[in-house]
Amino acid sequence: MTPLQAEYRRRAAARHDVAGQMAALYAWARHPGARIIELGTGNLARPDGYSGNSTAAFLAGTERSGGQLWSVDIADPPVPPEWRELEHWHLLTADDTSGEAVAFCPDEADVLFIDTSHAYDHTLEELRLYGPKIRPGGVILLHDTDRLEWPGVALAADVWCRASHLDWYDHPPWPGLGVIEIPA
């Protein structure tokens, strides 16, 4: 087992807001050659001083699949220093709605994961900017779609999907993982 796989397993077994979805994120990243865009790496540091639970799942999965992960966060994420040396991780510290960030992320990506401000306008803009970057047959994942806790995320998904003639569903458990499947 590689150090990255061990770190993923440790984080998947811990209690945190994305714990219920770690296995699903890892599975999507395990698709051969997966190209993943992650908006928000999670800047709330864990007790060990690090953040990046979703990043850990994606990095462990892409390590196995030969894939690549592009992460954008508005602040430099506190992550284990060795991650910054990984050839399959590309990190940009910037506003994810900036032209620089949009250009940084690849077209024809397989997965888009959004876990940023949770604000309606911002989430809708992220969907507008990055949704077209997802290839047919790909998937858009939105974290924190619980309508009571984070109503802006679910509403943005509703509005964007309606305009795009798509639908979304919640992949349990709470706090919710919204899934938008892009038709093949």
N, C-alpha and C. Protein backbone atom coordinates (compact mmCIF):
# COMPACT_ATOMS: atom_id res chain seq x y z
N MET A 1 0.86 -1.17 0.00
CA MET A 1 0.00 0.00 0.00
C MET A 1 0.91 1.24 0.00
N THR A 2 0.60 2.17 -0.88
CA THR A 2 1.39 3.39 -0.95
C THR A 2 1.02 4.33 0.20
N PRO A 3 1.87 5.29 0.51
CA PRO A 3 1.52 6.27 1.55
C PRO A 3 0.22 7.03 1.23
N LEU A 4 -0.02 7.32 -0.03
CA LEU A 4 -1.23 8.03 -0.42
C LEU A 4 -2.48 7.17 -0.20
N GLN A 5 -2.39 5.88 -0.49
CA GLN A 5 -3.51 4.97 -0.24
C GLN A 5 -3.77 4.85 1.26
N ALA A 6 -2.71 4.78 2.04
CA ALA A 6 -2.86 4.70 3.51
C ALA A 6 -3.50 5.98 4.06
N GLU A 7 -3.09 7.13 3.54
CA GLU A 7 -3.67 8.40 3.99
C GLU A 7 -5.15 8.47 3.63
N TYR A 8 -5.49 8.04 2.42
CA TYR A 8 -6.91 8.00 2.03
C TYR A 8 -7.70 7.11 3.00
N ARG A 9 -7.19 5.94 3.30
CA ARG A 9 -7.91 5.02 4.20
C ARG A 9 -8.08 5.61 5.60
N ARG A 10 -7.04 6.27 6.11
CA ARG A 10 -7.15 6.92 7.41
C ARG A 10 -8.25 7.99 7.39
N ARG A 11 -8.25 8.78 6.35
CA ARG A 11 -9.24 9.86 6.26
C ARG A 11 -10.64 9.31 6.02
N ALA A 12 -10.78 8.27 5.25
CA ALA A 12 -12.09 7.68 4.98
C ALA A 12 -12.70 7.10 6.25
N ALA A 13 -11.87 6.67 7.19
CA ALA A 13 -12.36 6.09 8.45
C ALA A 13 -12.64 7.14 9.52
N ALA A 14 -12.22 8.37 9.29
CA ALA A 14 -12.39 9.44 10.28
C ALA A 14 -13.78 10.07 10.15
N ARG A 15 -14.16 10.83 11.18
CA ARG A 15 -15.44 11.55 11.16
C ARG A 15 -15.20 12.97 10.64
N HIS A 16 -15.85 13.29 9.53
CA HIS A 16 -15.79 14.65 8.98
C HIS A 16 -16.92 14.79 7.97
N ASP A 17 -17.09 15.98 7.43
CA ASP A 17 -18.27 16.27 6.61
C ASP A 17 -18.34 15.56 5.27
N VAL A 18 -17.23 15.05 4.78
CA VAL A 18 -17.27 14.34 3.50
C VAL A 18 -17.01 12.84 3.67
N ALA A 19 -16.96 12.38 4.92
CA ALA A 19 -16.66 10.98 5.20
C ALA A 19 -17.60 10.02 4.48
N GLY A 20 -18.88 10.34 4.45
CA GLY A 20 -19.85 9.47 3.81
C GLY A 20 -19.68 9.35 2.31
N GLN A 21 -19.00 10.30 1.70
CA GLN A 21 -18.83 10.29 0.25
C GLN A 21 -17.42 9.90 -0.20
N MET A 22 -16.51 9.68 0.73
CA MET A 22 -15.12 9.39 0.36
C MET A 22 -15.02 8.20 -0.60
N ALA A 23 -15.75 7.13 -0.31
CA ALA A 23 -15.66 5.94 -1.17
C ALA A 23 -16.18 6.23 -2.58
N ALA A 24 -17.23 7.04 -2.68
CA ALA A 24 -17.77 7.38 -4.00
C ALA A 24 -16.77 8.25 -4.77
N LEU A 25 -16.15 9.21 -4.11
CA LEU A 25 -15.16 10.07 -4.78
C LEU A 25 -13.98 9.23 -5.26
N TYR A 26 -13.52 8.34 -4.41
CA TYR A 26 -12.42 7.44 -4.75
C TYR A 26 -12.79 6.58 -5.96
N ALA A 27 -14.01 6.05 -5.95
CA ALA A 27 -14.45 5.19 -7.06
C ALA A 27 -14.48 5.95 -8.38
N TRP A 28 -15.00 7.19 -8.37
CA TRP A 28 -15.02 7.97 -9.62
C TRP A 28 -13.59 8.23 -10.10
N ALA A 29 -12.66 8.44 -9.18
CA ALA A 29 -11.28 8.71 -9.56
C ALA A 29 -10.54 7.47 -10.04
N ARG A 30 -11.07 6.29 -9.76
CA ARG A 30 -10.43 5.03 -10.16
C ARG A 30 -10.72 4.66 -11.62
N HIS A 31 -11.60 5.39 -12.29
CA HIS A 31 -11.84 5.11 -13.71
C HIS A 31 -10.54 5.34 -14.48
N PRO A 32 -10.17 4.44 -15.37
CA PRO A 32 -8.89 4.56 -16.07
C PRO A 32 -8.69 5.95 -16.69
N GLY A 33 -7.57 6.56 -16.33
CA GLY A 33 -7.21 7.86 -16.88
C GLY A 33 -8.12 9.00 -16.47
N ALA A 34 -8.83 8.88 -15.36
CA ALA A 34 -9.80 9.89 -14.93
C ALA A 34 -9.17 11.29 -14.89
N ARG A 35 -9.92 12.24 -15.43
CA ARG A 35 -9.52 13.66 -15.41
C ARG A 35 -10.54 14.37 -14.54
N ILE A 36 -10.07 14.90 -13.41
CA ILE A 36 -10.97 15.44 -12.39
C ILE A 36 -10.65 16.90 -12.11
N ILE A 37 -11.71 17.70 -12.03
CA ILE A 37 -11.60 19.10 -11.60
C ILE A 37 -12.24 19.18 -10.22
N GLU A 38 -11.50 19.71 -9.26
CA GLU A 38 -11.99 19.88 -7.89
C GLU A 38 -11.96 21.37 -7.56
N LEU A 39 -13.13 21.92 -7.28
CA LEU A 39 -13.23 23.33 -6.86
C LEU A 39 -13.43 23.34 -5.36
N GLY A 40 -12.41 23.76 -4.63
CA GLY A 40 -12.44 23.75 -3.17
C GLY A 40 -11.76 22.51 -2.64
N THR A 41 -10.69 22.70 -1.90
CA THR A 41 -9.98 21.56 -1.30
C THR A 41 -10.29 21.41 0.17
N GLY A 42 -11.06 22.32 0.73
CA GLY A 42 -11.41 22.23 2.14
C GLY A 42 -10.37 22.87 3.01
N ASN A 43 -10.58 24.10 3.36
CA ASN A 43 -9.58 24.82 4.14
C ASN A 43 -9.77 24.73 5.64
N LEU A 44 -10.72 23.93 6.09
CA LEU A 44 -10.87 23.73 7.53
C LEU A 44 -9.92 22.63 7.95
N ALA A 45 -8.89 23.01 8.65
CA ALA A 45 -7.85 22.04 9.02
C ALA A 45 -8.37 21.02 10.02
N ARG A 46 -7.93 19.78 9.84
CA ARG A 46 -8.23 18.70 10.76
C ARG A 46 -7.34 18.83 11.98
N PRO A 47 -7.56 17.96 13.00
CA PRO A 47 -6.71 18.02 14.20
C PRO A 47 -5.22 17.88 13.91
N ASP A 48 -4.86 17.19 12.83
CA ASP A 48 -3.44 17.06 12.49
C ASP A 48 -2.91 18.28 11.74
N GLY A 49 -3.78 19.28 11.53
CA GLY A 49 -3.36 20.51 10.86
C GLY A 49 -3.61 20.52 9.37
N TYR A 50 -4.05 19.39 8.81
CA TYR A 50 -4.26 19.30 7.37
C TYR A 50 -5.73 19.34 7.01
N SER A 51 -6.00 19.66 5.76
CA SER A 51 -7.34 19.57 5.20
C SER A 51 -7.23 18.79 3.90
N GLY A 52 -8.28 18.79 3.11
CA GLY A 52 -8.20 18.13 1.81
C GLY A 52 -8.70 16.70 1.81
N ASN A 53 -9.80 16.42 2.51
CA ASN A 53 -10.32 15.06 2.52
C ASN A 53 -10.77 14.60 1.14
N SER A 54 -11.51 15.43 0.43
CA SER A 54 -11.92 15.05 -0.93
C SER A 54 -10.70 14.93 -1.82
N THR A 55 -9.73 15.81 -1.63
CA THR A 55 -8.50 15.76 -2.41
C THR A 55 -7.78 14.43 -2.18
N ALA A 56 -7.76 13.96 -0.93
CA ALA A 56 -7.12 12.68 -0.62
C ALA A 56 -7.79 11.54 -1.38
N ALA A 57 -9.13 11.55 -1.42
CA ALA A 57 -9.85 10.49 -2.14
C ALA A 57 -9.53 10.54 -3.64
N PHE A 58 -9.55 11.75 -4.20
CA PHE A 58 -9.27 11.88 -5.63
C PHE A 58 -7.82 11.53 -5.96
N LEU A 59 -6.87 11.95 -5.12
CA LEU A 59 -5.47 11.65 -5.39
C LEU A 59 -5.19 10.16 -5.27
N ALA A 60 -5.77 9.51 -4.27
CA ALA A 60 -5.56 8.06 -4.13
C ALA A 60 -6.16 7.32 -5.32
N GLY A 61 -7.35 7.75 -5.76
CA GLY A 61 -7.98 7.10 -6.92
C GLY A 61 -7.21 7.33 -8.20
N THR A 62 -6.76 8.56 -8.43
CA THR A 62 -6.02 8.83 -9.67
C THR A 62 -4.63 8.22 -9.65
N GLU A 63 -4.08 8.02 -8.46
CA GLU A 63 -2.81 7.31 -8.37
C GLU A 63 -2.98 5.90 -8.93
N ARG A 64 -4.10 5.27 -8.63
CA ARG A 64 -4.38 3.90 -9.12
C ARG A 64 -4.77 3.87 -10.59
N SER A 65 -5.47 4.91 -11.05
CA SER A 65 -6.05 4.89 -12.40
C SER A 65 -5.17 5.50 -13.47
N GLY A 66 -4.09 6.16 -13.05
CA GLY A 66 -3.27 6.88 -14.01
C GLY A 66 -3.91 8.20 -14.42
N GLY A 67 -4.84 8.67 -13.60
CA GLY A 67 -5.55 9.90 -13.91
C GLY A 67 -4.83 11.14 -13.40
N GLN A 68 -5.53 12.27 -13.51
CA GLN A 68 -4.98 13.57 -13.11
C GLN A 68 -6.05 14.34 -12.36
N LEU A 69 -5.62 15.15 -11.39
CA LEU A 69 -6.51 15.99 -10.61
C LEU A 69 -6.05 17.44 -10.71
N TRP A 70 -6.99 18.32 -11.08
CA TRP A 70 -6.78 19.76 -11.09
C TRP A 70 -7.64 20.33 -9.97
N SER A 71 -7.01 20.97 -8.98
CA SER A 71 -7.72 21.57 -7.85
C SER A 71 -7.53 23.08 -7.87
N VAL A 72 -8.63 23.78 -7.58
CA VAL A 72 -8.59 25.24 -7.47
C VAL A 72 -9.19 25.61 -6.13
N ASP A 73 -8.48 26.47 -5.39
CA ASP A 73 -9.00 26.96 -4.11
C ASP A 73 -8.58 28.41 -3.96
N ILE A 74 -9.42 29.18 -3.32
CA ILE A 74 -9.15 30.60 -3.14
C ILE A 74 -8.00 30.86 -2.16
N ALA A 75 -7.70 29.89 -1.31
CA ALA A 75 -6.60 30.01 -0.35
C ALA A 75 -5.70 28.78 -0.48
N ASP A 76 -4.45 28.95 -0.17
CA ASP A 76 -3.51 27.84 -0.23
C ASP A 76 -3.93 26.79 0.80
N PRO A 77 -4.26 25.58 0.36
CA PRO A 77 -4.78 24.59 1.31
C PRO A 77 -3.70 23.99 2.19
N PRO A 78 -4.02 23.80 3.47
CA PRO A 78 -3.08 23.10 4.36
C PRO A 78 -3.20 21.59 4.11
N VAL A 79 -2.32 21.09 3.27
CA VAL A 79 -2.31 19.67 2.92
C VAL A 79 -0.92 19.12 3.21
N PRO A 80 -0.78 17.81 3.30
CA PRO A 80 0.55 17.24 3.52
C PRO A 80 1.53 17.73 2.44
N PRO A 81 2.71 18.16 2.83
CA PRO A 81 3.67 18.74 1.87
C PRO A 81 4.02 17.82 0.71
N GLU A 82 4.03 16.51 0.94
CA GLU A 82 4.41 15.58 -0.13
C GLU A 82 3.39 15.56 -1.27
N TRP A 83 2.15 15.96 -1.00
CA TRP A 83 1.15 16.01 -2.07
C TRP A 83 1.57 17.01 -3.14
N ARG A 84 2.19 18.08 -2.75
CA ARG A 84 2.56 19.13 -3.69
C ARG A 84 3.59 18.65 -4.72
N GLU A 85 4.24 17.55 -4.44
CA GLU A 85 5.24 16.98 -5.34
C GLU A 85 4.65 15.94 -6.29
N LEU A 86 3.39 15.58 -6.11
CA LEU A 86 2.78 14.54 -6.94
C LEU A 86 2.62 15.03 -8.39
N GLU A 87 3.02 14.19 -9.32
CA GLU A 87 2.93 14.55 -10.73
C GLU A 87 1.49 14.56 -11.23
N HIS A 88 0.59 13.88 -10.55
CA HIS A 88 -0.80 13.82 -11.03
C HIS A 88 -1.72 14.82 -10.33
N TRP A 89 -1.14 15.75 -9.54
CA TRP A 89 -1.94 16.80 -8.90
C TRP A 89 -1.47 18.16 -9.37
N HIS A 90 -2.44 18.96 -9.83
CA HIS A 90 -2.19 20.31 -10.32
C HIS A 90 -3.04 21.24 -9.45
N LEU A 91 -2.41 22.13 -8.73
CA LEU A 91 -3.09 23.01 -7.79
C LEU A 91 -2.91 24.47 -8.21
N LEU A 92 -4.01 25.20 -8.20
CA LEU A 92 -3.98 26.64 -8.46
C LEU A 92 -4.68 27.34 -7.31
N THR A 93 -4.01 28.31 -6.71
CA THR A 93 -4.62 29.13 -5.67
C THR A 93 -5.15 30.38 -6.36
N ALA A 94 -6.48 30.45 -6.49
CA ALA A 94 -7.13 31.56 -7.20
C ALA A 94 -8.63 31.48 -6.97
N ASP A 95 -9.31 32.54 -7.31
CA ASP A 95 -10.77 32.54 -7.33
C ASP A 95 -11.19 31.61 -8.47
N ASP A 96 -12.01 30.63 -8.17
CA ASP A 96 -12.35 29.64 -9.20
C ASP A 96 -13.22 30.21 -10.32
N THR A 97 -13.76 31.40 -10.16
CA THR A 97 -14.54 32.00 -11.24
C THR A 97 -13.69 32.92 -12.11
N SER A 98 -12.40 33.02 -11.82
CA SER A 98 -11.51 33.86 -12.62
C SER A 98 -11.18 33.17 -13.94
N GLY A 99 -10.83 33.98 -14.92
CA GLY A 99 -10.42 33.43 -16.21
C GLY A 99 -9.20 32.55 -16.09
N GLU A 100 -8.29 32.91 -15.19
CA GLU A 100 -7.09 32.11 -14.96
C GLU A 100 -7.45 30.70 -14.50
N ALA A 101 -8.39 30.60 -13.57
CA ALA A 101 -8.79 29.29 -13.04
C ALA A 101 -9.50 28.45 -14.09
N VAL A 102 -10.41 29.08 -14.83
CA VAL A 102 -11.14 28.34 -15.86
C VAL A 102 -10.16 27.82 -16.91
N ALA A 103 -9.20 28.64 -17.32
CA ALA A 103 -8.21 28.22 -18.32
C ALA A 103 -7.28 27.13 -17.77
N PHE A 104 -7.01 27.15 -16.48
CA PHE A 104 -6.14 26.17 -15.83
C PHE A 104 -6.73 24.76 -15.90
N CYS A 105 -8.04 24.65 -15.81
CA CYS A 105 -8.71 23.34 -15.76
C CYS A 105 -8.95 22.82 -17.16
N PRO A 106 -8.83 21.50 -17.32
CA PRO A 106 -8.93 20.92 -18.66
C PRO A 106 -10.37 20.86 -19.18
N ASP A 107 -10.50 20.85 -20.49
CA ASP A 107 -11.75 20.51 -21.13
C ASP A 107 -11.84 18.99 -21.18
N GLU A 108 -13.03 18.49 -21.43
CA GLU A 108 -13.24 17.04 -21.55
C GLU A 108 -12.87 16.29 -20.27
N ALA A 109 -13.14 16.91 -19.12
CA ALA A 109 -12.89 16.24 -17.84
C ALA A 109 -14.00 15.22 -17.59
N ASP A 110 -13.69 14.24 -16.77
CA ASP A 110 -14.65 13.19 -16.43
C ASP A 110 -15.50 13.55 -15.22
N VAL A 111 -14.91 14.29 -14.27
CA VAL A 111 -15.59 14.62 -13.01
C VAL A 111 -15.33 16.08 -12.68
N LEU A 112 -16.38 16.76 -12.25
CA LEU A 112 -16.28 18.09 -11.64
C LEU A 112 -16.84 17.96 -10.24
N PHE A 113 -16.05 18.34 -9.24
CA PHE A 113 -16.48 18.31 -7.85
C PHE A 113 -16.48 19.73 -7.32
N ILE A 114 -17.63 20.20 -6.84
CA ILE A 114 -17.77 21.56 -6.32
C ILE A 114 -18.03 21.52 -4.82
N ASP A 115 -17.13 22.13 -4.05
CA ASP A 115 -17.28 22.24 -2.60
C ASP A 115 -16.61 23.54 -2.16
N THR A 116 -17.26 24.66 -2.48
CA THR A 116 -16.65 25.97 -2.21
C THR A 116 -17.51 26.80 -1.26
N SER A 117 -18.04 27.90 -1.73
CA SER A 117 -18.73 28.86 -0.87
C SER A 117 -20.10 28.40 -0.39
N HIS A 118 -20.74 27.54 -1.14
CA HIS A 118 -22.10 27.08 -0.88
C HIS A 118 -23.14 28.18 -1.10
N ALA A 119 -22.74 29.28 -1.67
CA ALA A 119 -23.65 30.38 -1.96
C ALA A 119 -24.30 30.15 -3.33
N TYR A 120 -25.57 30.50 -3.44
CA TYR A 120 -26.33 30.26 -4.67
C TYR A 120 -25.65 30.88 -5.90
N ASP A 121 -25.39 32.19 -5.88
CA ASP A 121 -24.84 32.87 -7.06
C ASP A 121 -23.49 32.29 -7.46
N HIS A 122 -22.65 32.05 -6.48
CA HIS A 122 -21.31 31.52 -6.76
C HIS A 122 -21.39 30.10 -7.33
N THR A 123 -22.21 29.26 -6.74
CA THR A 123 -22.35 27.88 -7.21
C THR A 123 -22.93 27.85 -8.62
N LEU A 124 -23.92 28.69 -8.88
CA LEU A 124 -24.50 28.76 -10.23
C LEU A 124 -23.45 29.20 -11.24
N GLU A 125 -22.61 30.16 -10.88
CA GLU A 125 -21.55 30.61 -11.78
C GLU A 125 -20.53 29.50 -12.02
N GLU A 126 -20.20 28.73 -10.99
CA GLU A 126 -19.28 27.59 -11.16
C GLU A 126 -19.86 26.57 -12.14
N LEU A 127 -21.15 26.28 -11.99
CA LEU A 127 -21.79 25.34 -12.92
C LEU A 127 -21.78 25.89 -14.34
N ARG A 128 -22.04 27.19 -14.48
CA ARG A 128 -22.04 27.81 -15.80
C ARG A 128 -20.65 27.77 -16.44
N LEU A 129 -19.62 28.02 -15.66
CA LEU A 129 -18.25 28.06 -16.19
C LEU A 129 -17.64 26.68 -16.42
N TYR A 130 -17.89 25.76 -15.50
CA TYR A 130 -17.20 24.47 -15.55
C TYR A 130 -18.07 23.33 -16.08
N GLY A 131 -19.38 23.45 -16.03
CA GLY A 131 -20.24 22.40 -16.57
C GLY A 131 -19.89 22.02 -18.00
N PRO A 132 -19.65 23.01 -18.89
CA PRO A 132 -19.29 22.68 -20.27
C PRO A 132 -17.94 21.97 -20.41
N LYS A 133 -17.14 21.96 -19.37
CA LYS A 133 -15.84 21.28 -19.42
C LYS A 133 -15.97 19.77 -19.20
N ILE A 134 -17.15 19.30 -18.84
CA ILE A 134 -17.32 17.88 -18.54
C ILE A 134 -17.74 17.14 -19.81
N ARG A 135 -17.06 16.09 -20.10
CA ARG A 135 -17.29 15.32 -21.33
C ARG A 135 -18.63 14.60 -21.26
N PRO A 136 -19.20 14.27 -22.41
CA PRO A 136 -20.40 13.43 -22.41
C PRO A 136 -20.09 12.10 -21.70
N GLY A 137 -20.98 11.72 -20.79
CA GLY A 137 -20.76 10.53 -19.98
C GLY A 137 -20.09 10.83 -18.66
N GLY A 138 -19.68 12.09 -18.46
CA GLY A 138 -19.04 12.50 -17.22
C GLY A 138 -20.07 12.85 -16.16
N VAL A 139 -19.58 13.35 -15.04
CA VAL A 139 -20.45 13.62 -13.90
C VAL A 139 -20.01 14.90 -13.19
N ILE A 140 -21.00 15.64 -12.69
CA ILE A 140 -20.76 16.80 -11.84
C ILE A 140 -21.25 16.43 -10.45
N LEU A 141 -20.41 16.67 -9.45
CA LEU A 141 -20.73 16.36 -8.06
C LEU A 141 -20.73 17.65 -7.27
N LEU A 142 -21.77 17.86 -6.48
CA LEU A 142 -21.86 19.05 -5.64
C LEU A 142 -21.96 18.60 -4.18
N HIS A 143 -21.03 19.07 -3.36
CA HIS A 143 -21.08 18.70 -1.95
C HIS A 143 -21.98 19.65 -1.19
N ASP A 144 -22.65 19.13 -0.18
CA ASP A 144 -23.54 19.88 0.70
C ASP A 144 -24.80 20.36 -0.02
N THR A 145 -25.57 19.42 -0.50
CA THR A 145 -26.82 19.72 -1.19
C THR A 145 -28.04 19.63 -0.28
N ASP A 146 -27.82 19.44 1.01
CA ASP A 146 -28.94 19.40 1.94
C ASP A 146 -29.66 20.75 1.91
N ARG A 147 -30.95 20.74 1.56
CA ARG A 147 -31.71 21.98 1.37
C ARG A 147 -31.91 22.77 2.65
N LEU A 148 -31.84 22.13 3.81
CA LEU A 148 -31.99 22.85 5.07
C LEU A 148 -30.69 23.51 5.49
N GLU A 149 -29.58 22.81 5.30
CA GLU A 149 -28.27 23.34 5.72
C GLU A 149 -27.67 24.29 4.68
N TRP A 150 -27.75 23.92 3.41
CA TRP A 150 -27.09 24.65 2.33
C TRP A 150 -28.06 24.85 1.17
N PRO A 151 -29.11 25.63 1.34
CA PRO A 151 -30.12 25.75 0.29
C PRO A 151 -29.59 26.33 -1.03
N GLY A 152 -28.54 27.14 -0.98
CA GLY A 152 -28.01 27.75 -2.19
C GLY A 152 -27.44 26.74 -3.17
N VAL A 153 -26.82 25.68 -2.68
CA VAL A 153 -26.22 24.67 -3.55
C VAL A 153 -27.32 23.92 -4.31
N ALA A 154 -28.34 23.47 -3.59
CA ALA A 154 -29.43 22.73 -4.23
C ALA A 154 -30.19 23.61 -5.21
N LEU A 155 -30.44 24.86 -4.84
CA LEU A 155 -31.15 25.76 -5.73
C LEU A 155 -30.33 26.03 -7.00
N ALA A 156 -29.04 26.23 -6.86
CA ALA A 156 -28.19 26.43 -8.04
C ALA A 156 -28.23 25.20 -8.94
N ALA A 157 -28.19 24.01 -8.35
CA ALA A 157 -28.29 22.78 -9.14
C ALA A 157 -29.63 22.71 -9.86
N ASP A 158 -30.72 23.07 -9.16
CA ASP A 158 -32.05 23.08 -9.78
C ASP A 158 -32.07 24.00 -10.99
N VAL A 159 -31.61 25.23 -10.80
CA VAL A 159 -31.68 26.25 -11.86
C VAL A 159 -30.79 25.87 -13.04
N TRP A 160 -29.55 25.47 -12.77
CA TRP A 160 -28.63 25.12 -13.86
C TRP A 160 -29.13 23.90 -14.63
N CYS A 161 -29.60 22.90 -13.90
CA CYS A 161 -30.09 21.69 -14.57
C CYS A 161 -31.32 22.00 -15.43
N ARG A 162 -32.22 22.81 -14.93
CA ARG A 162 -33.41 23.17 -15.70
C ARG A 162 -32.99 23.87 -17.00
N ALA A 163 -32.05 24.81 -16.91
CA ALA A 163 -31.58 25.54 -18.10
C ALA A 163 -30.80 24.63 -19.05
N SER A 164 -30.18 23.59 -18.52
CA SER A 164 -29.37 22.66 -19.32
C SER A 164 -30.14 21.42 -19.75
N HIS A 165 -31.42 21.35 -19.38
CA HIS A 165 -32.26 20.19 -19.70
C HIS A 165 -31.69 18.91 -19.11
N LEU A 166 -31.22 19.03 -17.87
CA LEU A 166 -30.68 17.90 -17.14
C LEU A 166 -31.42 17.77 -15.82
N ASP A 167 -31.06 16.75 -15.06
CA ASP A 167 -31.64 16.54 -13.74
C ASP A 167 -30.50 16.18 -12.80
N TRP A 168 -30.77 16.28 -11.51
CA TRP A 168 -29.78 15.86 -10.54
C TRP A 168 -30.46 15.10 -9.43
N TYR A 169 -29.68 14.30 -8.72
CA TYR A 169 -30.20 13.55 -7.58
C TYR A 169 -29.18 13.62 -6.46
N ASP A 170 -29.66 13.33 -5.26
CA ASP A 170 -28.80 13.35 -4.08
C ASP A 170 -28.29 11.94 -3.80
N HIS A 171 -27.00 11.80 -3.75
CA HIS A 171 -26.35 10.53 -3.42
C HIS A 171 -26.18 10.54 -1.90
N PRO A 172 -26.90 9.69 -1.17
CA PRO A 172 -26.84 9.75 0.28
C PRO A 172 -25.45 9.38 0.79
N PRO A 173 -25.09 9.64 2.01
CA PRO A 173 -25.87 10.20 3.11
C PRO A 173 -25.61 11.70 3.28
N TRP A 174 -26.28 12.29 4.28
CA TRP A 174 -26.08 13.68 4.61
C TRP A 174 -24.60 13.92 4.84
N PRO A 175 -24.02 15.04 4.48
CA PRO A 175 -24.66 16.29 4.12
C PRO A 175 -25.04 16.40 2.66
N GLY A 176 -25.03 15.34 1.95
CA GLY A 176 -25.53 15.34 0.59
C GLY A 176 -24.42 15.46 -0.43
N LEU A 177 -24.57 14.67 -1.45
CA LEU A 177 -23.67 14.73 -2.59
C LEU A 177 -24.57 14.75 -3.81
N GLY A 178 -24.75 15.94 -4.38
CA GLY A 178 -25.57 16.06 -5.57
C GLY A 178 -24.84 15.52 -6.77
N VAL A 179 -25.55 14.80 -7.62
CA VAL A 179 -24.97 14.17 -8.79
C VAL A 179 -25.71 14.62 -10.03
N ILE A 180 -24.99 15.17 -10.99
CA ILE A 180 -25.53 15.52 -12.31
C ILE A 180 -24.79 14.66 -13.32
N GLU A 181 -25.50 13.76 -13.96
CA GLU A 181 -24.90 12.91 -14.98
C GLU A 181 -25.04 13.59 -16.33
N ILE A 182 -23.93 13.75 -17.02
CA ILE A 182 -23.93 14.36 -18.36
C ILE A 182 -24.17 13.24 -19.37
N PRO A 183 -25.24 13.33 -20.14
CA PRO A 183 -25.56 12.23 -21.08
C PRO A 183 -24.41 11.95 -22.06
N ALA A 184 -24.23 10.68 -22.34
CA ALA A 184 -23.19 10.26 -23.28
C ALA A 184 -23.61 10.58 -24.70
